Amino acid sequence: MLKGKKLAKGVRCIVIPGTQKIWRQAMHEGLFDIFIDAGAVVSTPTCGPCLGGHMGILAAGERAVSTTNRNFVGRMGHVDSEVYLASPAVAAASAVTGYITNPEKI
């Protein structure tokens, strides 16, 4: 979805693999190069912003399209932020367009 594309202006894309095994697999498949070339950042496995602790937490008025499995007010940062749960394909397509996007349109 991101190969040969760039993130929309003003979009942050943070890729956090779920486990060390998945991180290693993505590295060996060359996916990190694709993510980074598109403008994303790649982290080691961690909870990151999904628990509202660090690495891209949301400020008031910010919106996120997230592939996490939980969504409640304040989960990923400020209580006045918005979080939309989506599949990885929808999240990637949305990062390219800058709005929630059906991946079939990319």
PDB file of N, CA and C in Angstrom:
ATOM      1  N   MET A   1       0.818  -1.195   0.000  1.00  0.00           N
ATOM      2  CA  MET A   1       0.000   0.000   0.000  1.00  0.00           C
ATOM      3  C   MET A   1       0.864   1.264   0.000  1.00  0.00           C
ATOM      4  N   LEU A   2       1.990   1.257   0.693  1.00  0.00           N
ATOM      5  CA  LEU A   2       2.834   2.446   0.779  1.00  0.00           C
ATOM      6  C   LEU A   2       3.989   2.448  -0.216  1.00  0.00           C
ATOM      7  N   LYS A   3       4.246   1.327  -0.871  1.00  0.00           N
ATOM      8  CA  LYS A   3       5.396   1.225  -1.773  1.00  0.00           C
ATOM      9  C   LYS A   3       5.300   2.255  -2.894  1.00  0.00           C
ATOM     10  N   GLY A   4       6.340   3.087  -3.000  1.00  0.00           N
ATOM     11  CA  GLY A   4       6.394   4.107  -4.033  1.00  0.00           C
ATOM     12  C   GLY A   4       5.528   5.323  -3.769  1.00  0.00           C
ATOM     13  N   LYS A   5       4.959   5.423  -2.581  1.00  0.00           N
ATOM     14  CA  LYS A   5       4.076   6.549  -2.251  1.00  0.00           C
ATOM     15  C   LYS A   5       4.667   7.345  -1.091  1.00  0.00           C
ATOM     16  N   LYS A   6       4.112   8.518  -0.862  1.00  0.00           N
ATOM     17  CA  LYS A   6       4.505   9.373   0.258  1.00  0.00           C
ATOM     18  C   LYS A   6       3.292   9.660   1.128  1.00  0.00           C
ATOM     19  N   LEU A   7       3.543   9.888   2.398  1.00  0.00           N
ATOM     20  CA  LEU A   7       2.471  10.268   3.310  1.00  0.00           C
ATOM     21  C   LEU A   7       1.924  11.633   2.926  1.00  0.00           C
ATOM     22  N   ALA A   8       0.645  11.839   3.184  1.00  0.00           N
ATOM     23  CA  ALA A   8       0.030  13.144   2.953  1.00  0.00           C
ATOM     24  C   ALA A   8       0.690  14.177   3.867  1.00  0.00           C
ATOM     25  N   LYS A   9       0.702  15.408   3.409  1.00  0.00           N
ATOM     26  CA  LYS A   9       1.279  16.496   4.193  1.00  0.00           C
ATOM     27  C   LYS A   9       0.573  16.592   5.546  1.00  0.00           C
ATOM     28  N   GLY A  10       1.355  16.694   6.613  1.00  0.00           N
ATOM     29  CA  GLY A  10       0.810  16.838   7.954  1.00  0.00           C
ATOM     30  C   GLY A  10       0.419  15.532   8.632  1.00  0.00           C
ATOM     31  N   VAL A  11       0.647  14.402   7.957  1.00  0.00           N
ATOM     32  CA  VAL A  11       0.286  13.100   8.521  1.00  0.00           C
ATOM     33  C   VAL A  11       1.515  12.471   9.177  1.00  0.00           C
ATOM     34  N   ARG A  12       1.313  11.961  10.384  1.00  0.00           N
ATOM     35  CA  ARG A  12       2.342  11.171  11.057  1.00  0.00           C
ATOM     36  C   ARG A  12       1.955   9.706  10.918  1.00  0.00           C
ATOM     37  N   CYS A  13       2.871   8.871  10.536  1.00  0.00           N
ATOM     38  CA  CYS A  13       2.622   7.436  10.442  1.00  0.00           C
ATOM     39  C   CYS A  13       3.679   6.729  11.280  1.00  0.00           C
ATOM     40  N   ILE A  14       3.220   6.049  12.302  1.00  0.00           N
ATOM     41  CA  ILE A  14       4.120   5.344  13.210  1.00  0.00           C
ATOM     42  C   ILE A  14       3.825   3.859  13.088  1.00  0.00           C
ATOM     43  N   VAL A  15       4.832   3.090  12.688  1.00  0.00           N
ATOM     44  CA  VAL A  15       4.682   1.648  12.531  1.00  0.00           C
ATOM     45  C   VAL A  15       5.325   0.974  13.732  1.00  0.00           C
ATOM     46  N   ILE A  16       4.503   0.235  14.487  1.00  0.00           N
ATOM     47  CA  ILE A  16       4.997  -0.454  15.677  1.00  0.00           C
ATOM     48  C   ILE A  16       4.583  -1.918  15.570  1.00  0.00           C
ATOM     49  N   PRO A  17       5.501  -2.796  15.164  1.00  0.00           N
ATOM     50  CA  PRO A  17       5.163  -4.222  15.094  1.00  0.00           C
ATOM     51  C   PRO A  17       4.746  -4.752  16.465  1.00  0.00           C
ATOM     52  N   GLY A  18       3.871  -5.754  16.445  1.00  0.00           N
ATOM     53  CA  GLY A  18       3.319  -6.282  17.687  1.00  0.00           C
ATOM     54  C   GLY A  18       4.284  -7.116  18.517  1.00  0.00           C
ATOM     55  N   THR A  19       5.244  -7.754  17.864  1.00  0.00           N
ATOM     56  CA  THR A  19       6.195  -8.610  18.577  1.00  0.00           C
ATOM     57  C   THR A  19       7.577  -8.496  17.934  1.00  0.00           C
ATOM     58  N   GLN A  20       8.578  -8.962  18.635  1.00  0.00           N
ATOM     59  CA  GLN A  20       9.933  -8.991  18.098  1.00  0.00           C
ATOM     60  C   GLN A  20      10.000  -9.895  16.866  1.00  0.00           C
ATOM     61  N   LYS A  21       9.247 -10.994  16.868  1.00  0.00           N
ATOM     62  CA  LYS A  21       9.225 -11.909  15.726  1.00  0.00           C
ATOM     63  C   LYS A  21       8.684 -11.199  14.478  1.00  0.00           C
ATOM     64  N   ILE A  22       7.595 -10.448  14.617  1.00  0.00           N
ATOM     65  CA  ILE A  22       7.022  -9.709  13.495  1.00  0.00           C
ATOM     66  C   ILE A  22       7.962  -8.592  13.061  1.00  0.00           C
ATOM     67  N   TRP A  23       8.608  -7.929  14.005  1.00  0.00           N
ATOM     68  CA  TRP A  23       9.580  -6.881  13.683  1.00  0.00           C
ATOM     69  C   TRP A  23      10.678  -7.454  12.800  1.00  0.00           C
ATOM     70  N   ARG A  24      11.216  -8.599  13.209  1.00  0.00           N
ATOM     71  CA  ARG A  24      12.309  -9.237  12.458  1.00  0.00           C
ATOM     72  C   ARG A  24      11.839  -9.653  11.059  1.00  0.00           C
ATOM     73  N   GLN A  25      10.641 -10.222  10.981  1.00  0.00           N
ATOM     74  CA  GLN A  25      10.094 -10.649   9.694  1.00  0.00           C
ATOM     75  C   GLN A  25       9.938  -9.446   8.751  1.00  0.00           C
ATOM     76  N   ALA A  26       9.393  -8.353   9.268  1.00  0.00           N
ATOM     77  CA  ALA A  26       9.211  -7.144   8.448  1.00  0.00           C
ATOM     78  C   ALA A  26      10.557  -6.599   7.983  1.00  0.00           C
ATOM     79  N   MET A  27      11.555  -6.641   8.855  1.00  0.00           N
ATOM     80  CA  MET A  27      12.881  -6.168   8.491  1.00  0.00           C
ATOM     81  C   MET A  27      13.443  -7.021   7.352  1.00  0.00           C
ATOM     82  N   HIS A  28      13.355  -8.338   7.478  1.00  0.00           N
ATOM     83  CA  HIS A  28      13.899  -9.235   6.453  1.00  0.00           C
ATOM     84  C   HIS A  28      13.150  -9.124   5.125  1.00  0.00           C
ATOM     85  N   GLU A  29      11.864  -8.797   5.179  1.00  0.00           N
ATOM     86  CA  GLU A  29      11.080  -8.656   3.951  1.00  0.00           C
ATOM     87  C   GLU A  29      11.298  -7.304   3.272  1.00  0.00           C
ATOM     88  N   GLY A  30      12.043  -6.410   3.915  1.00  0.00           N
ATOM     89  CA  GLY A  30      12.297  -5.095   3.332  1.00  0.00           C
ATOM     90  C   GLY A  30      11.166  -4.097   3.555  1.00  0.00           C
ATOM     91  N   LEU A  31      10.239  -4.441   4.435  1.00  0.00           N
ATOM     92  CA  LEU A  31       9.100  -3.546   4.664  1.00  0.00           C
ATOM     93  C   LEU A  31       9.510  -2.243   5.334  1.00  0.00           C
ATOM     94  N   PHE A  32      10.535  -2.278   6.173  1.00  0.00           N
ATOM     95  CA  PHE A  32      10.970  -1.054   6.846  1.00  0.00           C
ATOM     96  C   PHE A  32      11.417  -0.016   5.822  1.00  0.00           C
ATOM     97  N   ASP A  33      12.121  -0.444   4.781  1.00  0.00           N
ATOM     98  CA  ASP A  33      12.544   0.491   3.736  1.00  0.00           C
ATOM     99  C   ASP A  33      11.339   1.152   3.077  1.00  0.00           C
ATOM    100  N   ILE A  34      10.296   0.366   2.807  1.00  0.00           N
ATOM    101  CA  ILE A  34       9.086   0.903   2.190  1.00  0.00           C
ATOM    102  C   ILE A  34       8.432   1.922   3.112  1.00  0.00           C
ATOM    103  N   PHE A  35       8.289   1.564   4.391  1.00  0.00           N
ATOM    104  CA  PHE A  35       7.665   2.472   5.356  1.00  0.00           C
ATOM    105  C   PHE A  35       8.454   3.775   5.479  1.00  0.00           C
ATOM    106  N   ILE A  36       9.762   3.656   5.633  1.00  0.00           N
ATOM    107  CA  ILE A  36      10.609   4.836   5.833  1.00  0.00           C
ATOM    108  C   ILE A  36      10.646   5.689   4.571  1.00  0.00           C
ATOM    109  N   ASP A  37      10.739   5.068   3.403  1.00  0.00           N
ATOM    110  CA  ASP A  37      10.734   5.830   2.150  1.00  0.00           C
ATOM    111  C   ASP A  37       9.430   6.609   1.974  1.00  0.00           C
ATOM    112  N   ALA A  38       8.334   6.082   2.495  1.00  0.00           N
ATOM    113  CA  ALA A  38       7.039   6.777   2.404  1.00  0.00           C
ATOM    114  C   ALA A  38       6.943   7.941   3.393  1.00  0.00           C
ATOM    115  N   GLY A  39       7.823   7.947   4.402  1.00  0.00           N
ATOM    116  CA  GLY A  39       7.812   9.022   5.390  1.00  0.00           C
ATOM    117  C   GLY A  39       7.390   8.573   6.778  1.00  0.00           C
ATOM    118  N   ALA A  40       7.183   7.280   6.945  1.00  0.00           N
ATOM    119  CA  ALA A  40       6.791   6.745   8.255  1.00  0.00           C
ATOM    120  C   ALA A  40       8.021   6.550   9.140  1.00  0.00           C
ATOM    121  N   VAL A  41       7.767   6.364  10.415  1.00  0.00           N
ATOM    122  CA  VAL A  41       8.816   5.971  11.347  1.00  0.00           C
ATOM    123  C   VAL A  41       8.493   4.558  11.828  1.00  0.00           C
ATOM    124  N   VAL A  42       9.537   3.809  12.140  1.00  0.00           N
ATOM    125  CA  VAL A  42       9.372   2.423  12.584  1.00  0.00           C
ATOM    126  C   VAL A  42       9.988   2.290  13.970  1.00  0.00           C
ATOM    127  N   SER A  43       9.263   1.642  14.859  1.00  0.00           N
ATOM    128  CA  SER A  43       9.709   1.454  16.235  1.00  0.00           C
ATOM    129  C   SER A  43       9.941  -0.029  16.521  1.00  0.00           C
ATOM    130  N   THR A  44      10.613  -0.277  17.594  1.00  0.00           N
ATOM    131  CA  THR A  44      10.647  -1.635  18.127  1.00  0.00           C
ATOM    132  C   THR A  44       9.286  -1.921  18.751  1.00  0.00           C
ATOM    133  N   PRO A  45       8.947  -3.191  18.994  1.00  0.00           N
ATOM    134  CA  PRO A  45       7.648  -3.496  19.609  1.00  0.00           C
ATOM    135  C   PRO A  45       7.489  -2.815  20.968  1.00  0.00           C
ATOM    136  N   THR A  46       6.390  -2.114  21.116  1.00  0.00           N
ATOM    137  CA  THR A  46       6.067  -1.414  22.360  1.00  0.00           C
ATOM    138  C   THR A  46       4.605  -0.995  22.316  1.00  0.00           C
ATOM    139  N   CYS A  47       4.090  -0.589  23.434  1.00  0.00           N
ATOM    140  CA  CYS A  47       2.713  -0.094  23.451  1.00  0.00           C
ATOM    141  C   CYS A  47       2.608   1.268  22.786  1.00  0.00           C
ATOM    142  N   GLY A  48       3.663   2.069  22.868  1.00  0.00           N
ATOM    143  CA  GLY A  48       3.671   3.359  22.197  1.00  0.00           C
ATOM    144  C   GLY A  48       2.456   4.210  22.517  1.00  0.00           C
ATOM    145  N   PRO A  49       1.903   4.875  21.489  1.00  0.00           N
ATOM    146  CA  PRO A  49       0.788   5.784  21.725  1.00  0.00           C
ATOM    147  C   PRO A  49      -0.527   5.066  22.038  1.00  0.00           C
ATOM    148  N   CYS A  50      -0.603   3.756  21.800  1.00  0.00           N
ATOM    149  CA  CYS A  50      -1.892   3.077  22.002  1.00  0.00           C
ATOM    150  C   CYS A  50      -2.308   3.071  23.468  1.00  0.00           C
ATOM    151  N   LEU A  51      -1.391   3.319  24.374  1.00  0.00           N
ATOM    152  CA  LEU A  51      -1.791   3.410  25.781  1.00  0.00           C
ATOM    153  C   LEU A  51      -1.719   4.846  26.284  1.00  0.00           C
ATOM    154  N   GLY A  52      -1.444   5.770  25.363  1.00  0.00           N
ATOM    155  CA  GLY A  52      -1.404   7.178  25.740  1.00  0.00           C
ATOM    156  C   GLY A  52      -0.173   7.568  26.517  1.00  0.00           C
ATOM    157  N   GLY A  53       0.897   6.788  26.385  1.00  0.00           N
ATOM    158  CA  GLY A  53       2.086   7.031  27.183  1.00  0.00           C
ATOM    159  C   GLY A  53       3.184   7.815  26.490  1.00  0.00           C
ATOM    160  N   HIS A  54       3.471   7.518  25.234  1.00  0.00           N
ATOM    161  CA  HIS A  54       4.591   8.154  24.542  1.00  0.00           C
ATOM    162  C   HIS A  54       4.531   7.841  23.051  1.00  0.00           C
ATOM    163  N   MET A  55       5.469   8.350  22.297  1.00  0.00           N
ATOM    164  CA  MET A  55       5.651   8.047  20.869  1.00  0.00           C
ATOM    165  C   MET A  55       4.472   8.432  19.986  1.00  0.00           C
ATOM    166  N   GLY A  56       4.051   9.652  20.032  1.00  0.00           N
ATOM    167  CA  GLY A  56       3.010  10.084  19.114  1.00  0.00           C
ATOM    168  C   GLY A  56       1.636  10.219  19.715  1.00  0.00           C
ATOM    169  N   ILE A  57       1.564  10.406  21.034  1.00  0.00           N
ATOM    170  CA  ILE A  57       0.237  10.581  21.631  1.00  0.00           C
ATOM    171  C   ILE A  57      -0.439  11.811  21.035  1.00  0.00           C
ATOM    172  N   LEU A  58      -1.753  11.786  21.060  1.00  0.00           N
ATOM    173  CA  LEU A  58      -2.550  12.819  20.405  1.00  0.00           C
ATOM    174  C   LEU A  58      -2.802  14.019  21.305  1.00  0.00           C
ATOM    175  N   ALA A  59      -2.769  15.187  20.688  1.00  0.00           N
ATOM    176  CA  ALA A  59      -3.114  16.425  21.379  1.00  0.00           C
ATOM    177  C   ALA A  59      -4.598  16.703  21.158  1.00  0.00           C
ATOM    178  N   ALA A  60      -5.124  17.660  21.856  1.00  0.00           N
ATOM    179  CA  ALA A  60      -6.525  18.059  21.674  1.00  0.00           C
ATOM    180  C   ALA A  60      -6.770  18.411  20.215  1.00  0.00           C
ATOM    181  N   GLY A  61      -7.835  17.858  19.642  1.00  0.00           N
ATOM    182  CA  GLY A  61      -8.198  18.150  18.266  1.00  0.00           C
ATOM    183  C   GLY A  61      -7.522  17.283  17.219  1.00  0.00           C
ATOM    184  N   GLU A  62      -6.510  16.519  17.591  1.00  0.00           N
ATOM    185  CA  GLU A  62      -5.860  15.636  16.624  1.00  0.00           C
ATOM    186  C   GLU A  62      -6.687  14.371  16.428  1.00  0.00           C
ATOM    187  N   ARG A  63      -6.527  13.760  15.251  1.00  0.00           N
ATOM    188  CA  ARG A  63      -7.228  12.518  14.923  1.00  0.00           C
ATOM    189  C   ARG A  63      -6.214  11.464  14.536  1.00  0.00           C
ATOM    190  N   ALA A  64      -6.561  10.211  14.829  1.00  0.00           N
ATOM    191  CA  ALA A  64      -5.706   9.090  14.445  1.00  0.00           C
ATOM    192  C   ALA A  64      -6.551   7.987  13.834  1.00  0.00           C
ATOM    193  N   VAL A  65      -5.961   7.339  12.838  1.00  0.00           N
ATOM    194  CA  VAL A  65      -6.500   6.080  12.329  1.00  0.00           C
ATOM    195  C   VAL A  65      -5.540   5.037  12.857  1.00  0.00           C
ATOM    196  N   SER A  66      -6.041   4.160  13.703  1.00  0.00           N
ATOM    197  CA  SER A  66      -5.186   3.228  14.424  1.00  0.00           C
ATOM    198  C   SER A  66      -5.595   1.782  14.164  1.00  0.00           C
ATOM    199  N   THR A  67      -4.614   0.899  14.197  1.00  0.00           N
ATOM    200  CA  THR A  67      -4.887  -0.531  14.045  1.00  0.00           C
ATOM    201  C   THR A  67      -4.917  -1.241  15.398  1.00  0.00           C
ATOM    202  N   THR A  68      -4.960  -0.477  16.458  1.00  0.00           N
ATOM    203  CA  THR A  68      -5.059  -1.075  17.784  1.00  0.00           C
ATOM    204  C   THR A  68      -6.429  -1.724  17.964  1.00  0.00           C
ATOM    205  N   ASN A  69      -6.602  -2.450  19.031  1.00  0.00           N
ATOM    206  CA  ASN A  69      -7.878  -3.158  19.219  1.00  0.00           C
ATOM    207  C   ASN A  69      -8.750  -2.551  20.315  1.00  0.00           C
ATOM    208  N   ARG A  70      -8.382  -1.387  20.815  1.00  0.00           N
ATOM    209  CA  ARG A  70      -9.183  -0.736  21.848  1.00  0.00           C
ATOM    210  C   ARG A  70      -9.352   0.727  21.513  1.00  0.00           C
ATOM    211  N   ASN A  71     -10.490   1.259  21.919  1.00  0.00           N
ATOM    212  CA  ASN A  71     -10.755   2.666  21.647  1.00  0.00           C
ATOM    213  C   ASN A  71     -11.672   3.209  22.737  1.00  0.00           C
ATOM    214  N   PHE A  72     -11.157   4.119  23.523  1.00  0.00           N
ATOM    215  CA  PHE A  72     -11.984   4.834  24.479  1.00  0.00           C
ATOM    216  C   PHE A  72     -11.374   6.205  24.700  1.00  0.00           C
ATOM    217  N   VAL A  73     -12.167   7.122  25.173  1.00  0.00           N
ATOM    218  CA  VAL A  73     -11.741   8.511  25.336  1.00  0.00           C
ATOM    219  C   VAL A  73     -10.460   8.580  26.160  1.00  0.00           C
ATOM    220  N   GLY A  74      -9.472   9.257  25.611  1.00  0.00           N
ATOM    221  CA  GLY A  74      -8.195   9.432  26.298  1.00  0.00           C
ATOM    222  C   GLY A  74      -7.221   8.283  26.133  1.00  0.00           C
ATOM    223  N   ARG A  75      -7.591   7.243  25.439  1.00  0.00           N
ATOM    224  CA  ARG A  75      -6.730   6.059  25.285  1.00  0.00           C
ATOM    225  C   ARG A  75      -5.373   6.411  24.677  1.00  0.00           C
ATOM    226  N   MET A  76      -5.382   7.262  23.654  1.00  0.00           N
ATOM    227  CA  MET A  76      -4.136   7.559  22.941  1.00  0.00           C
ATOM    228  C   MET A  76      -3.657   8.985  23.162  1.00  0.00           C
ATOM    229  N   GLY A  77      -4.107   9.603  24.224  1.00  0.00           N
ATOM    230  CA  GLY A  77      -3.667  10.963  24.504  1.00  0.00           C
ATOM    231  C   GLY A  77      -4.789  11.808  25.066  1.00  0.00           C
ATOM    232  N   HIS A  78      -4.891  13.017  24.576  1.00  0.00           N
ATOM    233  CA  HIS A  78      -5.835  13.991  25.112  1.00  0.00           C
ATOM    234  C   HIS A  78      -7.282  13.515  24.952  1.00  0.00           C
ATOM    235  N   VAL A  79      -8.120  13.826  25.928  1.00  0.00           N
ATOM    236  CA  VAL A  79      -9.528  13.416  25.878  1.00  0.00           C
ATOM    237  C   VAL A  79     -10.294  14.109  24.752  1.00  0.00           C
ATOM    238  N   ASP A  80      -9.761  15.184  24.200  1.00  0.00           N
ATOM    239  CA  ASP A  80     -10.404  15.870  23.080  1.00  0.00           C
ATOM    240  C   ASP A  80      -9.792  15.486  21.731  1.00  0.00           C
ATOM    241  N   SER A  81      -9.103  14.351  21.676  1.00  0.00           N
ATOM    242  CA  SER A  81      -8.611  13.812  20.405  1.00  0.00           C
ATOM    243  C   SER A  81      -9.600  12.753  19.933  1.00  0.00           C
ATOM    244  N   GLU A  82      -9.453  12.330  18.684  1.00  0.00           N
ATOM    245  CA  GLU A  82     -10.345  11.321  18.111  1.00  0.00           C
ATOM    246  C   GLU A  82      -9.520  10.165  17.571  1.00  0.00           C
ATOM    247  N   VAL A  83      -9.986   8.940  17.822  1.00  0.00           N
ATOM    248  CA  VAL A  83      -9.303   7.742  17.343  1.00  0.00           C
ATOM    249  C   VAL A  83     -10.300   6.892  16.574  1.00  0.00           C
ATOM    250  N   TYR A  84      -9.931   6.555  15.356  1.00  0.00           N
ATOM    251  CA  TYR A  84     -10.746   5.685  14.512  1.00  0.00           C
ATOM    252  C   TYR A  84      -9.993   4.372  14.329  1.00  0.00           C
ATOM    253  N   LEU A  85     -10.638   3.257  14.619  1.00  0.00           N
ATOM    254  CA  LEU A  85     -10.006   1.953  14.468  1.00  0.00           C
ATOM    255  C   LEU A  85     -10.213   1.451  13.049  1.00  0.00           C
ATOM    256  N   ALA A  86      -9.162   0.854  12.479  1.00  0.00           N
ATOM    257  CA  ALA A  86      -9.218   0.413  11.094  1.00  0.00           C
ATOM    258  C   ALA A  86      -8.244  -0.738  10.864  1.00  0.00           C
ATOM    259  N   SER A  87      -8.377  -1.371   9.719  1.00  0.00           N
ATOM    260  CA  SER A  87      -7.436  -2.407   9.316  1.00  0.00           C
ATOM    261  C   SER A  87      -6.109  -1.757   8.902  1.00  0.00           C
ATOM    262  N   PRO A  88      -5.026  -2.524   8.842  1.00  0.00           N
ATOM    263  CA  PRO A  88      -3.761  -1.958   8.364  1.00  0.00           C
ATOM    264  C   PRO A  88      -3.873  -1.367   6.956  1.00  0.00           C
ATOM    265  N   ALA A  89      -4.650  -1.984   6.076  1.00  0.00           N
ATOM    266  CA  ALA A  89      -4.797  -1.464   4.712  1.00  0.00           C
ATOM    267  C   ALA A  89      -5.491  -0.108   4.719  1.00  0.00           C
ATOM    268  N   VAL A  90      -6.539   0.043   5.508  1.00  0.00           N
ATOM    269  CA  VAL A  90      -7.233   1.331   5.599  1.00  0.00           C
ATOM    270  C   VAL A  90      -6.317   2.376   6.236  1.00  0.00           C
ATOM    271  N   ALA A  91      -5.589   2.001   7.263  1.00  0.00           N
ATOM    272  CA  ALA A  91      -4.671   2.945   7.909  1.00  0.00           C
ATOM    273  C   ALA A  91      -3.602   3.422   6.926  1.00  0.00           C
ATOM    274  N   ALA A  92      -3.031   2.515   6.151  1.00  0.00           N
ATOM    275  CA  ALA A  92      -1.994   2.891   5.175  1.00  0.00           C
ATOM    276  C   ALA A  92      -2.576   3.779   4.083  1.00  0.00           C
ATOM    277  N   ALA A  93      -3.721   3.403   3.542  1.00  0.00           N
ATOM    278  CA  ALA A  93      -4.356   4.212   2.498  1.00  0.00           C
ATOM    279  C   ALA A  93      -4.681   5.603   3.032  1.00  0.00           C
ATOM    280  N   SER A  94      -5.140   5.681   4.255  1.00  0.00           N
ATOM    281  CA  SER A  94      -5.494   6.958   4.864  1.00  0.00           C
ATOM    282  C   SER A  94      -4.260   7.820   5.107  1.00  0.00           C
ATOM    283  N   ALA A  95      -3.132   7.185   5.420  1.00  0.00           N
ATOM    284  CA  ALA A  95      -1.891   7.939   5.609  1.00  0.00           C
ATOM    285  C   ALA A  95      -1.438   8.578   4.302  1.00  0.00           C
ATOM    286  N   VAL A  96      -1.709   7.941   3.184  1.00  0.00           N
ATOM    287  CA  VAL A  96      -1.335   8.475   1.875  1.00  0.00           C
ATOM    288  C   VAL A  96      -2.254   9.622   1.457  1.00  0.00           C
ATOM    289  N   THR A  97      -3.541   9.490   1.732  1.00  0.00           N
ATOM    290  CA  THR A  97      -4.491  10.520   1.287  1.00  0.00           C
ATOM    291  C   THR A  97      -4.703  11.639   2.295  1.00  0.00           C
ATOM    292  N   GLY A  98      -4.509  11.338   3.574  1.00  0.00           N
ATOM    293  CA  GLY A  98      -4.734  12.340   4.610  1.00  0.00           C
ATOM    294  C   GLY A  98      -6.145  12.324   5.166  1.00  0.00           C
ATOM    295  N   TYR A  99      -6.962  11.380   4.728  1.00  0.00           N
ATOM    296  CA  TYR A  99      -8.321  11.205   5.256  1.00  0.00           C
ATOM    297  C   TYR A  99      -8.670   9.729   5.175  1.00  0.00           C
ATOM    298  N   ILE A 100      -9.667   9.296   5.935  1.00  0.00           N
ATOM    299  CA  ILE A 100     -10.020   7.877   5.965  1.00  0.00           C
ATOM    300  C   ILE A 100     -10.420   7.442   4.553  1.00  0.00           C
ATOM    301  N   THR A 101      -9.712   6.419   4.063  1.00  0.00           N
ATOM    302  CA  THR A 101      -9.798   6.043   2.666  1.00  0.00           C
ATOM    303  C   THR A 101      -9.943   4.536   2.494  1.00  0.00           C
ATOM    304  N   ASN A 102     -10.785   4.140   1.579  1.00  0.00           N
ATOM    305  CA  ASN A 102     -10.917   2.741   1.171  1.00  0.00           C
ATOM    306  C   ASN A 102      -9.637   2.367   0.420  1.00  0.00           C
ATOM    307  N   PRO A 103      -8.929   1.310   0.829  1.00  0.00           N
ATOM    308  CA  PRO A 103      -7.668   0.959   0.170  1.00  0.00           C
ATOM    309  C   PRO A 103      -7.826   0.624  -1.318  1.00  0.00           C
ATOM    310  N   GLU A 104      -9.003   0.282  -1.748  1.00  0.00           N
ATOM    311  CA  GLU A 104      -9.214  -0.009  -3.173  1.00  0.00           C
ATOM    312  C   GLU A 104      -9.022   1.232  -4.039  1.00  0.00           C
ATOM    313  N   LYS A 105      -9.062   2.414  -3.427  1.00  0.00           N
ATOM    314  CA  LYS A 105      -8.914   3.664  -4.180  1.00  0.00           C
ATOM    315  C   LYS A 105      -7.446   4.049  -4.367  1.00  0.00           C
ATOM    316  N   ILE A 106      -6.545   3.331  -3.720  1.00  0.00           N
ATOM    317  CA  ILE A 106      -5.116   3.640  -3.827  1.00  0.00           C
ATOM    318  C   ILE A 106      -4.470   2.749  -4.881  1.00  0.00           C
TER     319      ILE A 106
END
